[in-house]
Amino acid sequence: MTIAALFLTILLFAAVVGPAIQRGGVGELVGVVAIFLAILIGERWVRTR
């Protein structure tokens, strides 16, 4: 489980965080984080209904 979490964290950084900082700077990274949080909150909301 720990190895899978480490692998997915590295993959997330390589595929999302790194390119976001290179292309758009911190603003694009904040946008990606906001979308991710919206998905998590939406999922939590759907589960409680």
Protein backbone atom coordinates (compact mmCIF):
# COMPACT_ATOMS: atom_id res chain seq x y z
CA MET A 1 0.00 0.00 0.00
CA THR A 2 2.82 2.38 0.85
CA ILE A 3 4.60 1.66 -2.43
CA ALA A 4 1.38 2.28 -4.38
CA ALA A 5 0.82 5.59 -2.57
CA LEU A 6 4.39 6.67 -3.26
CA PHE A 7 4.10 5.73 -6.92
CA LEU A 8 0.80 7.60 -7.35
CA THR A 9 2.22 10.67 -5.59
CA ILE A 10 5.22 10.72 -7.92
CA LEU A 11 2.93 10.19 -10.92
CA LEU A 12 0.67 13.05 -9.78
CA PHE A 13 3.63 15.36 -9.40
CA ALA A 14 5.09 14.40 -12.79
CA ALA A 15 1.79 14.58 -14.70
CA VAL A 16 0.00 17.49 -13.01
CA VAL A 17 2.03 19.61 -10.62
CA GLY A 18 5.26 19.88 -12.61
CA PRO A 19 3.69 20.89 -15.94
CA ALA A 20 1.25 23.24 -14.20
CA ILE A 21 4.10 25.18 -12.60
CA GLN A 22 6.12 25.23 -15.83
CA ARG A 23 3.27 26.45 -18.02
CA GLY A 24 1.11 28.66 -15.90
CA GLY A 25 2.92 29.13 -12.65
CA VAL A 26 1.23 28.93 -9.31
CA GLY A 27 -2.11 30.24 -10.66
CA GLU A 28 -2.69 27.16 -12.78
CA LEU A 29 -1.64 24.91 -9.92
CA VAL A 30 -4.18 26.60 -7.64
CA GLY A 31 -6.83 25.98 -10.31
CA VAL A 32 -5.99 22.28 -10.46
CA VAL A 33 -6.14 22.02 -6.66
CA ALA A 34 -9.49 23.85 -6.61
CA ILE A 35 -10.97 21.45 -9.17
CA PHE A 36 -9.64 18.47 -7.21
CA LEU A 37 -11.14 19.78 -3.97
CA ALA A 38 -14.48 20.45 -5.69
CA ILE A 39 -14.57 16.84 -6.88
CA LEU A 40 -13.79 15.54 -3.38
CA ILE A 41 -16.43 17.74 -1.76
CA GLY A 42 -18.99 16.76 -4.40
CA GLU A 43 -18.27 13.10 -3.84
CA ARG A 44 -18.67 13.52 -0.09
CA TRP A 45 -21.96 15.37 -0.63
CA VAL A 46 -23.31 12.63 -2.92
CA ARG A 47 -22.38 9.93 -0.41
CA THR A 48 -24.28 11.66 2.41
CA ARG A 49 -27.48 11.83 0.37
